[in-house]
Amino acid sequence: MKKSIILLLLLPGLVLSCGTGPKPEAVSSEPEPAESTAPVTPSEVTEHVEEVVEAPAEEPVEVLAATSKEEVFDPNNVSKAVYQAAKLEITYLIYDLNFIIRHKDYNAWVTHLSDSYYEEISGKNFLEEKTEELYRRDQVVAQNIGRDPNMVEKRVLKTARDYFDYVVVPSRVNDRLDDIDFLSEDRVRAYTVDERRGQRLVLYDLASIDHKWLIVN
């Protein structure tokens, strides 16, 4: 009997304790917000921009390639075989020019001139300069033979043919090649040596054009 009374007294407490238990948490269908990050300060933004601006720009590949290919001609790199071959060819050229000049063959002479050189010796300024040089030379010759230099007639050069007849023919009949210098891979300066003074005198500047040595300016 006592047990029944105790059970009856305890029953309402058990029911209340079951009804007041923890409720299950509601599940939200929305995604959870991402973790908040620390705000970026203005100084950090400035530092990043400065780093980007100061980064050196890469040069184009074409420019770098062109720079690496630039080379300066060094006459010391000309082989002995190339030097000797060029000197032999120019020696024959000088012999040929001497023969042409001795026979006053203007038409043959101009075939040994580059276009630029022929244009130069046909120019007004060049011909006027050579006219004055010729006049002074004639005056010296006249004085040496006892004539009055002031009585010398000035010969005016008007064409390339005049330059050939009055300047080239009297002075270039007996040229002799003694040495050459390479100015570039296809350009050479020819010299004769003045044995009395021991000096090299320039005969011609020559360029290899279409596999032929031509006189250039």
Protein backbone atom coordinates (compact mmCIF):
# COMPACT_ATOMS: atom_id res chain seq x y z
CA MET A 1 0.00 0.00 0.00
CA LYS A 2 2.77 2.36 0.90
CA LYS A 3 4.56 1.54 -2.39
CA SER A 4 1.42 2.40 -4.36
CA ILE A 5 1.11 5.77 -2.65
CA ILE A 6 4.80 6.56 -3.35
CA LEU A 7 4.42 5.71 -7.03
CA LEU A 8 1.36 7.91 -7.32
CA LEU A 9 3.25 10.81 -5.80
CA LEU A 10 6.26 10.38 -8.11
CA LEU A 11 4.31 9.94 -11.37
CA PRO A 12 3.39 13.63 -11.96
CA GLY A 13 7.07 14.70 -11.46
CA LEU A 14 8.25 12.18 -14.08
CA VAL A 15 5.70 13.44 -16.59
CA LEU A 16 6.71 17.08 -16.07
CA SER A 17 10.39 16.28 -16.35
CA CYS A 18 9.84 14.53 -19.72
CA GLY A 19 7.80 17.46 -21.13
CA THR A 20 10.38 20.15 -20.31
CA GLY A 21 13.43 18.45 -21.98
CA PRO A 22 15.71 20.41 -24.42
CA LYS A 23 14.21 21.12 -27.82
CA PRO A 24 16.17 20.17 -31.00
CA GLU A 25 17.88 23.12 -32.74
CA ALA A 26 16.29 24.33 -35.98
CA VAL A 27 18.40 23.70 -39.14
CA SER A 28 18.64 26.80 -41.38
CA SER A 29 18.44 26.35 -45.15
CA GLU A 30 20.72 29.41 -45.75
CA PRO A 31 24.51 28.92 -45.90
CA GLU A 32 26.51 29.92 -42.93
CA PRO A 33 28.27 33.31 -43.32
CA ALA A 34 31.96 33.12 -44.10
CA GLU A 35 34.42 33.86 -41.41
CA SER A 36 35.05 37.56 -41.19
CA THR A 37 38.51 38.73 -42.29
CA ALA A 38 40.49 41.58 -40.88
CA PRO A 39 39.88 44.86 -42.81
CA VAL A 40 42.63 45.93 -45.27
CA THR A 41 44.28 49.13 -44.18
CA PRO A 42 45.08 51.95 -46.71
CA SER A 43 48.81 51.56 -46.08
CA GLU A 44 48.68 47.93 -47.18
CA VAL A 45 46.89 48.90 -50.41
CA THR A 46 49.51 51.60 -51.12
CA GLU A 47 52.38 49.20 -50.59
CA HIS A 48 50.84 46.72 -53.01
CA VAL A 49 50.34 49.38 -55.70
CA GLU A 50 53.93 50.63 -55.33
CA GLU A 51 55.27 47.13 -55.76
CA VAL A 52 53.34 46.71 -59.01
CA VAL A 53 54.42 50.11 -60.39
CA GLU A 54 58.09 49.62 -59.59
CA ALA A 55 58.30 46.22 -61.26
CA PRO A 56 60.58 46.60 -64.36
CA ALA A 57 58.92 45.94 -67.69
CA GLU A 58 60.47 43.18 -69.74
CA GLU A 59 62.05 44.28 -73.03
CA PRO A 60 60.62 42.81 -76.22
CA VAL A 61 62.38 39.70 -77.41
CA GLU A 62 63.05 41.27 -80.82
CA VAL A 63 64.98 44.19 -79.28
CA LEU A 64 67.13 41.94 -77.16
CA ALA A 65 67.88 39.70 -80.11
CA ALA A 66 68.85 42.66 -82.30
CA THR A 67 71.16 44.07 -79.64
CA SER A 68 72.96 40.77 -79.18
CA LYS A 69 73.63 40.52 -82.93
CA GLU A 70 75.29 43.94 -83.21
CA GLU A 71 78.98 43.49 -83.83
CA VAL A 72 81.79 45.97 -84.49
CA PHE A 73 84.11 45.13 -87.40
CA ASP A 74 87.63 44.31 -86.27
CA PRO A 75 90.24 44.32 -89.06
CA ASN A 76 92.41 42.07 -86.91
CA ASN A 77 89.90 39.29 -87.50
CA VAL A 78 90.57 39.30 -91.26
CA SER A 79 92.39 36.09 -92.05
CA LYS A 80 95.72 36.07 -93.84
CA ALA A 81 94.20 34.19 -96.77
CA VAL A 82 91.46 36.81 -97.22
CA TYR A 83 93.99 39.63 -96.96
CA GLN A 84 96.35 38.11 -99.52
CA ALA A 85 93.51 37.33 -101.96
CA ALA A 86 92.18 40.89 -101.75
CA LYS A 87 95.65 42.41 -102.16
CA LEU A 88 96.30 40.29 -105.25
CA GLU A 89 92.98 41.30 -106.83
CA ILE A 90 93.63 44.99 -106.14
CA THR A 91 97.18 44.73 -107.50
CA TYR A 92 95.76 43.56 -110.83
CA LEU A 93 93.19 46.37 -110.64
CA ILE A 94 95.95 48.98 -110.22
CA TYR A 95 97.81 47.56 -113.23
CA ASP A 96 94.62 47.74 -115.26
CA LEU A 97 93.92 51.32 -114.16
CA ASN A 98 97.49 52.37 -115.02
CA PHE A 99 97.07 50.97 -118.52
CA ILE A 100 93.70 52.70 -118.97
CA ILE A 101 94.99 56.05 -117.70
CA ARG A 102 98.15 55.84 -119.80
CA HIS A 103 95.99 55.40 -122.89
CA LYS A 104 93.56 58.12 -121.77
CA ASP A 105 90.63 55.73 -122.08
CA TYR A 106 87.94 57.62 -120.19
CA ASN A 107 85.13 55.17 -121.06
CA ALA A 108 87.08 52.24 -119.63
CA TRP A 109 88.05 54.27 -116.56
CA VAL A 110 84.46 55.06 -115.55
CA THR A 111 83.62 51.32 -115.51
CA HIS A 112 85.86 51.08 -112.43
CA LEU A 113 83.95 53.79 -110.54
CA SER A 114 81.01 53.23 -108.19
CA ASP A 115 77.85 55.16 -108.96
CA SER A 116 78.31 57.33 -105.88
CA TYR A 117 81.89 58.24 -106.81
CA TYR A 118 80.97 59.12 -110.38
CA GLU A 119 78.17 61.31 -109.07
CA GLU A 120 80.61 63.05 -106.72
CA ILE A 121 83.24 63.86 -109.35
CA SER A 122 80.49 65.17 -111.63
CA GLY A 123 79.24 67.60 -108.97
CA LYS A 124 79.76 71.36 -109.20
CA ASN A 125 81.45 71.75 -105.80
CA PHE A 126 83.92 68.94 -106.47
CA LEU A 127 84.86 70.32 -109.90
CA GLU A 128 85.30 73.85 -108.56
CA GLU A 129 87.57 72.58 -105.78
CA LYS A 130 89.68 70.55 -108.20
CA THR A 131 89.86 73.54 -110.57
CA GLU A 132 91.52 75.61 -107.84
CA GLU A 133 93.88 72.76 -106.91
CA LEU A 134 94.86 72.34 -110.55
CA TYR A 135 95.46 76.07 -110.94
CA ARG A 136 97.76 76.19 -107.90
CA ARG A 137 99.64 73.15 -109.13
CA ASP A 138 100.15 74.71 -112.57
CA GLN A 139 101.45 77.87 -110.92
CA VAL A 140 104.00 75.89 -108.90
CA VAL A 141 105.15 74.06 -112.03
CA ALA A 142 105.50 77.37 -113.88
CA GLN A 143 107.54 78.89 -111.08
CA ASN A 144 109.84 75.86 -110.94
CA ILE A 145 110.69 76.23 -114.61
CA GLY A 146 111.23 79.99 -114.35
CA ARG A 147 107.89 81.21 -115.71
CA ASP A 148 105.66 83.86 -114.18
CA PRO A 149 102.97 82.00 -112.11
CA ASN A 150 100.55 84.87 -112.64
CA MET A 151 100.64 84.25 -116.37
CA VAL A 152 99.31 80.70 -116.01
CA GLU A 153 95.90 80.18 -117.55
CA LYS A 154 93.31 78.62 -115.26
CA ARG A 155 91.81 75.45 -116.69
CA VAL A 156 88.21 75.18 -115.56
CA LEU A 157 86.88 71.67 -114.97
CA LYS A 158 83.26 71.35 -116.01
CA THR A 159 82.71 67.60 -116.30
CA ALA A 160 84.00 64.30 -114.97
CA ARG A 161 85.76 63.90 -118.30
CA ASP A 162 87.68 67.14 -117.65
CA TYR A 163 88.70 65.83 -114.24
CA PHE A 164 89.98 62.64 -115.83
CA ASP A 165 91.91 64.43 -118.61
CA TYR A 166 93.50 67.21 -116.54
CA VAL A 167 93.91 65.67 -113.09
CA VAL A 168 93.87 61.87 -113.24
CA VAL A 169 95.88 61.28 -116.41
CA PRO A 170 98.90 63.46 -115.45
CA SER A 171 99.17 62.08 -111.92
CA ARG A 172 97.97 58.45 -111.86
CA VAL A 173 99.83 56.75 -114.68
CA ASN A 174 102.40 54.87 -112.59
CA ASP A 175 100.57 53.96 -109.37
CA ARG A 176 101.99 51.08 -107.34
CA LEU A 177 100.15 49.13 -104.67
CA ASP A 178 102.18 48.45 -101.53
CA ASP A 179 99.60 47.78 -98.83
CA ILE A 180 95.89 47.62 -98.05
CA ASP A 181 93.75 48.08 -94.95
CA PHE A 182 90.33 46.53 -94.48
CA LEU A 183 87.85 49.21 -93.39
CA SER A 184 84.97 46.71 -93.34
CA GLU A 185 84.27 43.25 -94.67
CA ASP A 186 83.79 44.60 -98.21
CA ARG A 187 85.71 47.89 -98.16
CA VAL A 188 89.47 48.42 -98.48
CA ARG A 189 91.88 51.36 -98.58
CA ALA A 190 94.81 50.95 -100.98
CA TYR A 191 98.20 52.56 -100.27
CA THR A 192 101.47 53.25 -101.98
CA VAL A 193 104.61 53.94 -99.92
CA ASP A 194 106.67 57.07 -100.43
CA GLU A 195 110.11 55.55 -100.05
CA ARG A 196 111.84 58.91 -99.56
CA ARG A 197 109.61 59.90 -96.65
CA GLY A 198 108.63 56.42 -95.50
CA GLN A 199 104.95 57.37 -95.55
CA ARG A 200 101.92 55.52 -96.83
CA LEU A 201 99.90 57.54 -99.34
CA VAL A 202 96.30 56.71 -100.13
CA LEU A 203 95.71 55.53 -103.69
CA TYR A 204 92.04 54.58 -103.61
CA ASP A 205 89.17 53.66 -101.38
CA LEU A 206 87.64 50.55 -102.87
CA ALA A 207 84.47 48.56 -102.25
CA SER A 208 83.56 45.09 -103.42
CA ILE A 209 80.30 45.57 -105.34
CA ASP A 210 78.82 42.62 -107.20
CA HIS A 211 82.12 40.76 -106.73
CA LYS A 212 84.12 43.58 -108.33
CA TRP A 213 86.41 46.15 -106.70
CA LEU A 214 85.23 49.67 -107.55
CA ILE A 215 86.56 53.11 -106.61
CA VAL A 216 84.35 54.77 -103.98
CA ASN A 217 84.29 58.14 -102.25
